[in-house]
Every structure is written in C-alpha cells, then in structure tokens.
Amino acid sequence: MKRRQVTTVTPNPAIDKTYWLEGLQPGRQNRVSRVRVDPGGKGINIARILKGYGLEVAALGFFGGIMGRELLNMLEKEGVQTAPVFVDEDTRTNTKIMDPTSGAETEINEPGPYVGEREQSLIEQHLADYALQSGYTVFSGSLPQGCPSEFYRRLIATAHQHGCKTILDTSGPALKEGIKAAPYLIKPNHHELSELIGREITTPATAVEAAAHLAAAYRIAVVVVSLGPLGAVMTSSEGAFHAIPPKVKPENTIGAGDSLVAGIIYGMVTDQPLAECLRLGVASGTLAVTNQGTSVAKPQIEEVLALEKQVELKRLD
C-alpha cells in the first residue's frame, strides 16, 4: 500500500484572529487598523505549510459548532484534506494583538471545547486508518478539556503499531507523558525543555546536552530544540548540530515553530540527511517570521531552499 506522506493530529485546533493596532492601551477603547483571520492550531499550521510545499498531507482533529465548520471550510479552500471528529462545543478562537509601536505581541488563547471519551476513541480509530497510509504522523499543540495528559502517549503508540514514524511538538504534562511512548522526533523550544528537565536552558551547548539526555532516556531518535533568534539544535545518531538563521526583520514570531517542524519534515520526506533537514527547518521558520499573520499562508518551497543557503550549520560533537 502506498503511504501518504504526512498526517497531522491537532486535538485543539482554532481560528486565529490577528489585530494590528498602534499603541495598545489597556482599559481604554482601542481602534484596530487591520484584521486577519487564519486557520490555527499547531498541527493545522504544519499541514497547511506542508501542503504549500507540495506534499500530500491530511489533517485530523476535533471540530465543533459554527467555528469548527468555518475552520473546515477555510482548510477545504486551501486544499488541505481533513478527517474531522465532531464535538458538541465550539472550536476555540485565539486572538493575537500586534502592536507595531512597541513591537509587542499579545496572545489571548481560549481553552477549547470539552472532548469526551467517545470522541477520543473516534480519533484513535481515524488515526489507525491514516497511519497505515502515512510515512510520518505529527502530534502537535495543546490538549482540549477532557483529554488526559497521556492522550498523545496513547496515540503515538497506535501510530507505531502501524509502522509510522511519529513527531511530537507539545509542552507541559502532555510532553512529559508523550515522550514515554518514544516518538521518533520531538521539538520542544528552550522554555519547554527547561520546564521538562527542571533546569534552565540558555545556550546551544546546554540545549544539546539536555537533548542528548532525553534521547537516551526515552529512546527518541531525534531531538530538536528551537532557540528563537539563535536558531535550533539537533541531536541524533548522525551527530549534534546547530543551525543559525540569517538576520531578518521579524514581522511576527507566531507560527515560526510550526514552520520549523514543517521544514524538517519536508527534508525527511525528500530523504535529506538530518543535518540538512535541520537547515531546511530553520530556513522555513525564518521565512515565517518575515510574513504577517499567524502562519505562512501560501509558502513556496523555492523560497525556503533559497533561504537555506544562508543558514549556517555547525557541528557540536
């Protein structure tokens, strides 16, 4: 059976509404100069970006109410295949406030709908079907109300039963539990990694040390740690690497981590060495911060490949 290239699982998708306003004044009336609405949720972002990069991709998740239907319509217009599990309560709306005067980005994220055991079982059934056809399955983002912290752990185990490589990008208890299922790749940022291991990660060297420890302790083949403007580090059997992005003017950092993951996946699907996958990921994330909105709306892989040449790659081991 031919395998679909990538399936993403987003338990808590969203509609992202971004407001631009000059000089946010709390407690007073603020006039918005511009509004943008995007599909949201980390796995949804990754699916949209990979679709733009020309890969075959499917997006699984929980969708509810009018907002959930609107989100599905938005994804359909972009040509992203979906396998929704419907829930009773509305899909959440996340609000971003961009203040060009101060450069501040303010996020107001709703908790999302309640998801019961029946719906959780349904998405596990969908996943079993899609994992049979997928080379990679991505589990990404926060968990909605009702889903236990070990939810990703269960889903990763299901994907592994069908021979699918798994990628986990989440935080907090969901990350702590999810790594126990030995996903193929995880991508915490340095804040999430600091919380996970109980000590502060401030440099590429300390990130690599912590990543190597996690890889050995939980049998994780690849650990990528995103470091914001410092780029990202990776540990694997092929070595430890640090990819440093070129200097760009950031328009928006929201969704950059999802673009990093998408670039790495593109490299793996096209059989690049892992170090080159990291360079592609950092190039993809860098491209994302130069775009306005909450993710790369219509990414072009040619732009990423051009930017990749400007990403410096250092071996750290």
Protein backbone atom coordinates (compact mmCIF):
# COMPACT_ATOMS: atom_id res chain seq x y z
CA MET A 1 0.00 0.00 0.00
CA LYS A 2 1.34 3.42 -0.93
CA ARG A 3 1.85 5.58 2.12
CA ARG A 4 0.55 9.14 2.32
CA GLN A 5 3.48 11.34 3.15
CA VAL A 6 2.28 13.15 6.31
CA THR A 7 -0.73 13.13 8.67
CA THR A 8 -1.11 15.77 11.37
CA VAL A 9 -3.19 15.41 14.53
CA THR A 10 -4.42 18.63 16.17
CA PRO A 11 -6.65 17.88 19.19
CA ASN A 12 -7.27 21.57 19.90
CA PRO A 13 -7.45 23.50 16.61
CA ALA A 14 -8.53 27.12 16.44
CA ILE A 15 -9.43 30.06 14.33
CA ASP A 16 -6.72 32.66 14.81
CA LYS A 17 -7.81 36.29 14.63
CA THR A 18 -4.99 38.84 14.50
CA TYR A 19 -5.49 42.55 15.23
CA TRP A 20 -2.96 45.25 14.41
CA LEU A 21 -3.25 48.45 16.44
CA GLU A 22 -0.89 51.29 17.27
CA GLY A 23 -0.15 51.63 20.98
CA LEU A 24 -2.34 49.18 22.90
CA GLN A 25 -3.96 50.96 25.87
CA PRO A 26 -5.40 48.51 28.44
CA GLY A 27 -8.69 49.63 29.96
CA ARG A 28 -9.43 52.06 27.15
CA GLN A 29 -11.01 51.97 23.70
CA ASN A 30 -8.53 50.80 21.05
CA ARG A 31 -9.04 51.18 17.31
CA VAL A 32 -7.79 48.38 15.09
CA SER A 33 -6.03 49.29 11.84
CA ARG A 34 -6.10 45.81 10.31
CA VAL A 35 -7.62 42.37 10.93
CA ARG A 36 -6.58 38.97 9.62
CA VAL A 37 -8.21 35.56 10.14
CA ASP A 38 -6.27 32.30 9.72
CA PRO A 39 -6.82 28.63 10.45
CA GLY A 40 -4.96 27.87 13.67
CA GLY A 41 -3.59 25.16 15.90
CA LYS A 42 -0.04 23.85 15.60
CA GLY A 43 -0.83 20.71 13.62
CA ILE A 44 -3.17 22.65 11.33
CA ASN A 45 -0.38 25.16 10.65
CA ILE A 46 2.03 22.33 9.84
CA ALA A 47 -0.47 20.70 7.47
CA ARG A 48 -1.07 24.00 5.63
CA ILE A 49 2.63 24.70 5.29
CA LEU A 50 3.43 21.19 4.02
CA LYS A 51 0.57 21.45 1.54
CA GLY A 52 2.16 24.67 0.30
CA TYR A 53 5.46 22.82 -0.01
CA GLY A 54 3.81 20.34 -2.36
CA LEU A 55 3.48 17.33 -0.04
CA GLU A 56 0.46 15.07 0.32
CA VAL A 57 -0.97 15.76 3.77
CA ALA A 58 -4.09 15.07 5.85
CA ALA A 59 -5.22 16.89 9.00
CA LEU A 60 -7.04 15.11 11.84
CA GLY A 61 -8.60 16.87 14.80
CA PHE A 62 -11.64 17.73 16.89
CA PHE A 63 -14.01 20.33 15.42
CA GLY A 64 -17.16 21.79 16.96
CA GLY A 65 -20.02 24.18 16.28
CA ILE A 66 -20.14 27.08 13.85
CA MET A 67 -16.48 27.92 14.38
CA GLY A 68 -15.44 24.35 13.68
CA ARG A 69 -17.42 24.31 10.41
CA GLU A 70 -15.86 27.64 9.42
CA LEU A 71 -12.39 26.27 10.13
CA LEU A 72 -13.06 23.21 7.98
CA ASN A 73 -14.30 25.46 5.16
CA MET A 74 -11.10 27.50 5.35
CA LEU A 75 -8.97 24.36 5.13
CA GLU A 76 -11.03 22.99 2.23
CA LYS A 77 -10.43 26.20 0.29
CA GLU A 78 -6.69 25.69 0.76
CA GLY A 79 -6.92 22.09 -0.45
CA VAL A 80 -5.99 20.52 2.89
CA GLN A 81 -7.63 17.12 3.31
CA THR A 82 -9.30 16.72 6.71
CA ALA A 83 -10.72 13.87 8.79
CA PRO A 84 -12.74 15.69 11.46
CA VAL A 85 -14.21 14.26 14.63
CA PHE A 86 -17.12 16.49 15.64
CA VAL A 87 -17.72 17.59 19.23
CA ASP A 88 -20.65 19.45 20.79
CA GLU A 89 -18.91 22.66 21.89
CA ASP A 90 -17.46 25.34 19.62
CA THR A 91 -13.91 25.20 18.30
CA ARG A 92 -11.93 27.93 20.04
CA THR A 93 -10.91 31.33 18.72
CA ASN A 94 -7.45 32.64 19.59
CA THR A 95 -6.82 36.38 19.49
CA LYS A 96 -3.44 37.95 18.70
CA ILE A 97 -2.78 41.67 19.17
CA MET A 98 0.16 43.07 17.22
CA ASP A 99 1.39 46.49 18.35
CA PRO A 100 3.81 47.96 15.78
CA THR A 101 4.56 50.88 18.12
CA SER A 102 6.08 48.74 20.88
CA GLY A 103 6.73 45.58 18.87
CA ALA A 104 4.74 43.61 21.47
CA GLU A 105 2.69 40.54 20.53
CA THR A 106 -0.17 39.71 22.91
CA GLU A 107 -1.94 36.33 22.71
CA ILE A 108 -5.33 35.52 24.22
CA ASN A 109 -5.98 31.80 23.78
CA GLU A 110 -9.30 30.14 24.62
CA PRO A 111 -9.23 26.70 26.32
CA GLY A 112 -11.16 24.90 23.59
CA PRO A 113 -14.17 22.56 23.72
CA TYR A 114 -14.69 19.62 26.04
CA VAL A 115 -13.83 16.31 24.32
CA GLY A 116 -15.36 13.15 25.75
CA GLU A 117 -14.15 9.55 25.71
CA ARG A 118 -16.32 8.65 22.69
CA GLU A 119 -14.73 11.37 20.56
CA GLN A 120 -11.27 10.41 21.81
CA SER A 121 -11.89 6.82 20.68
CA LEU A 122 -13.10 8.02 17.28
CA ILE A 123 -9.94 9.99 16.56
CA GLU A 124 -7.87 6.99 17.60
CA GLN A 125 -9.76 4.92 15.02
CA HIS A 126 -9.17 7.60 12.36
CA LEU A 127 -5.50 7.66 13.29
CA ALA A 128 -5.17 3.88 12.87
CA ASP A 129 -6.53 4.18 9.32
CA TYR A 130 -4.36 7.13 8.36
CA ALA A 131 -1.18 5.82 9.98
CA LEU A 132 -1.37 2.81 7.67
CA GLN A 133 -1.02 5.22 4.74
CA SER A 134 1.46 7.70 6.26
CA GLY A 135 5.22 7.86 6.47
CA TYR A 136 5.04 10.44 9.28
CA THR A 137 2.37 11.45 11.77
CA VAL A 138 2.68 14.72 13.69
CA PHE A 139 1.07 15.22 17.12
CA SER A 140 1.08 18.88 17.89
CA GLY A 141 -0.31 21.55 20.20
CA SER A 142 -2.25 21.69 23.44
CA LEU A 143 -4.86 19.18 24.59
CA PRO A 144 -8.50 20.26 24.94
CA GLN A 145 -10.58 19.85 28.07
CA GLY A 146 -11.43 16.20 28.71
CA CYS A 147 -8.29 14.75 27.13
CA PRO A 148 -5.92 13.28 29.73
CA SER A 149 -2.24 14.23 29.76
CA GLU A 150 -1.34 10.76 28.45
CA PHE A 151 -3.54 11.22 25.35
CA TYR A 152 -0.60 11.77 22.96
CA ARG A 153 1.17 8.80 24.51
CA ARG A 154 -1.76 6.57 23.52
CA LEU A 155 -1.97 7.99 20.01
CA ILE A 156 1.77 7.67 19.39
CA ALA A 157 1.59 4.00 20.43
CA THR A 158 -1.27 3.49 17.95
CA ALA A 159 0.75 5.06 15.11
CA HIS A 160 3.77 2.90 15.97
CA GLN A 161 1.64 -0.23 15.68
CA HIS A 162 1.18 0.63 12.00
CA GLY A 163 4.85 1.33 11.29
CA CYS A 164 4.52 5.12 11.13
CA LYS A 165 7.27 7.48 12.33
CA THR A 166 5.93 9.95 14.89
CA ILE A 167 6.73 13.56 15.68
CA LEU A 168 5.64 15.25 18.93
CA ASP A 169 5.51 19.02 19.45
CA THR A 170 3.72 19.96 22.64
CA SER A 171 4.50 21.16 26.17
CA GLY A 172 3.86 20.63 29.87
CA PRO A 173 2.27 17.38 31.09
CA ALA A 174 1.36 16.33 27.52
CA LEU A 175 5.06 16.43 26.58
CA LYS A 176 6.16 14.72 29.79
CA GLU A 177 3.75 11.84 29.17
CA GLY A 178 4.14 11.77 25.37
CA ILE A 179 7.88 11.12 25.38
CA LYS A 180 7.23 7.88 27.30
CA ALA A 181 5.91 6.41 24.02
CA ALA A 182 9.34 7.01 22.38
CA PRO A 183 8.30 9.22 19.45
CA TYR A 184 10.77 9.34 16.58
CA LEU A 185 11.28 13.11 16.91
CA ILE A 186 10.36 15.77 19.46
CA LYS A 187 10.69 19.56 19.08
CA PRO A 188 10.47 21.49 22.36
CA ASN A 189 11.58 25.09 22.50
CA HIS A 190 14.15 26.03 25.14
CA HIS A 191 11.45 27.16 27.60
CA GLU A 192 9.55 23.87 27.25
CA LEU A 193 12.76 21.86 27.57
CA SER A 194 13.75 23.82 30.69
CA GLU A 195 10.40 23.01 32.28
CA LEU A 196 10.68 19.35 31.30
CA ILE A 197 14.15 18.70 32.73
CA GLY A 198 13.92 21.11 35.67
CA ARG A 199 16.86 23.37 34.83
CA GLU A 200 17.27 26.43 32.66
CA ILE A 201 18.42 26.05 29.06
CA THR A 202 20.16 29.24 27.89
CA THR A 203 22.76 28.24 25.28
CA PRO A 204 23.07 25.85 22.32
CA ALA A 205 25.55 23.77 24.33
CA THR A 206 23.20 23.28 27.29
CA ALA A 207 20.34 22.54 24.86
CA VAL A 208 22.37 19.82 23.14
CA GLU A 209 23.36 18.29 26.48
CA ALA A 210 19.73 18.16 27.64
CA ALA A 211 18.54 16.87 24.26
CA ALA A 212 21.08 14.04 24.29
CA HIS A 213 19.98 13.05 27.79
CA LEU A 214 16.32 12.91 26.71
CA ALA A 215 17.15 10.92 23.59
CA ALA A 216 18.99 8.28 25.61
CA ALA A 217 16.49 8.13 28.47
CA TYR A 218 13.37 7.79 26.31
CA ARG A 219 14.71 6.13 23.13
CA ILE A 220 13.92 9.19 20.98
CA ALA A 221 15.83 9.09 17.70
CA VAL A 222 15.89 12.85 17.01
CA VAL A 223 15.56 15.77 19.44
CA VAL A 224 15.32 19.30 18.05
CA VAL A 225 15.36 22.30 20.38
CA SER A 226 14.29 25.68 18.99
CA LEU A 227 16.18 28.66 20.40
CA GLY A 228 14.36 31.66 18.93
CA PRO A 229 16.71 34.04 17.09
CA LEU A 230 19.63 31.68 17.84
CA GLY A 231 18.10 29.05 15.53
CA ALA A 232 17.85 25.43 16.61
CA VAL A 233 19.96 22.46 17.68
CA MET A 234 19.51 18.79 16.87
CA THR A 235 20.85 15.56 18.32
CA SER A 236 20.60 12.19 16.56
CA SER A 237 22.71 9.18 15.65
CA GLU A 238 24.19 11.36 12.89
CA GLY A 239 25.59 13.83 15.45
CA ALA A 240 24.75 17.11 17.13
CA PHE A 241 24.24 20.25 15.06
CA HIS A 242 23.40 23.92 15.49
CA ALA A 243 21.64 25.76 12.63
CA ILE A 244 21.94 29.56 12.82
CA PRO A 245 19.48 31.67 10.80
CA PRO A 246 20.36 34.76 8.79
CA LYS A 247 19.38 38.10 10.30
CA VAL A 248 15.94 39.22 9.12
CA LYS A 249 13.41 41.80 10.22
CA PRO A 250 10.74 39.85 12.13
CA GLU A 251 7.14 40.77 11.35
CA ASN A 252 5.59 38.05 13.50
CA THR A 253 7.00 35.15 15.51
CA ILE A 254 3.71 33.27 15.92
CA GLY A 255 3.79 30.03 13.94
CA ALA A 256 7.58 30.07 13.46
CA GLY A 257 7.99 26.85 15.45
CA ASP A 258 5.38 25.12 13.29
CA SER A 259 7.25 26.23 10.18
CA LEU A 260 10.47 24.85 11.68
CA VAL A 261 8.82 21.45 12.14
CA ALA A 262 7.35 21.57 8.62
CA GLY A 263 10.75 22.30 7.08
CA ILE A 264 12.35 19.40 8.96
CA ILE A 265 9.58 17.07 7.80
CA TYR A 266 9.99 18.22 4.20
CA GLY A 267 13.66 17.34 4.42
CA MET A 268 12.93 13.88 5.85
CA VAL A 269 10.25 13.12 3.26
CA THR A 270 12.71 14.07 0.49
CA ASP A 271 15.42 11.86 2.06
CA GLN A 272 17.84 14.61 3.12
CA PRO A 273 20.49 13.96 5.80
CA LEU A 274 19.22 15.02 9.21
CA ALA A 275 21.62 17.97 9.41
CA GLU A 276 20.19 19.30 6.15
CA CYS A 277 16.67 18.71 7.50
CA LEU A 278 17.58 21.00 10.39
CA ARG A 279 18.84 23.67 7.98
CA LEU A 280 15.61 23.42 6.00
CA GLY A 281 13.62 23.73 9.21
CA VAL A 282 15.45 26.86 10.33
CA ALA A 283 15.07 28.36 6.85
CA SER A 284 11.34 27.60 6.93
CA GLY A 285 10.97 29.14 10.40
CA THR A 286 12.93 32.20 9.34
CA LEU A 287 10.71 32.69 6.31
CA ALA A 288 7.67 32.50 8.60
CA VAL A 289 8.77 35.38 10.81
CA THR A 290 9.03 37.68 7.79
CA ASN A 291 5.35 37.11 6.97
CA GLN A 292 2.40 38.81 8.63
CA GLY A 293 -0.35 36.63 10.14
CA THR A 294 -0.23 33.56 12.34
CA SER A 295 1.39 31.16 9.90
CA VAL A 296 2.82 31.10 6.40
CA ALA A 297 -0.33 31.46 4.29
CA LYS A 298 1.00 30.40 0.88
CA PRO A 299 4.56 29.18 1.39
CA GLN A 300 6.78 28.35 -1.55
CA ILE A 301 9.43 25.69 -1.14
CA GLU A 302 11.63 27.58 -3.61
CA GLU A 303 11.84 30.47 -1.12
CA VAL A 304 12.84 28.08 1.65
CA LEU A 305 15.52 26.43 -0.48
CA ALA A 306 16.95 29.84 -1.39
CA LEU A 307 17.00 30.91 2.26
CA GLU A 308 18.51 27.59 3.35
CA LYS A 309 21.80 28.61 1.69
CA GLN A 310 22.05 31.47 4.21
CA VAL A 311 21.61 29.22 7.27
CA GLU A 312 24.93 28.47 8.95
CA LEU A 313 25.35 24.88 10.15
CA LYS A 314 27.81 23.97 12.92
CA ARG A 315 28.64 20.52 14.22
CA LEU A 316 28.71 20.48 18.02
CA ASP A 317 30.03 17.00 18.85
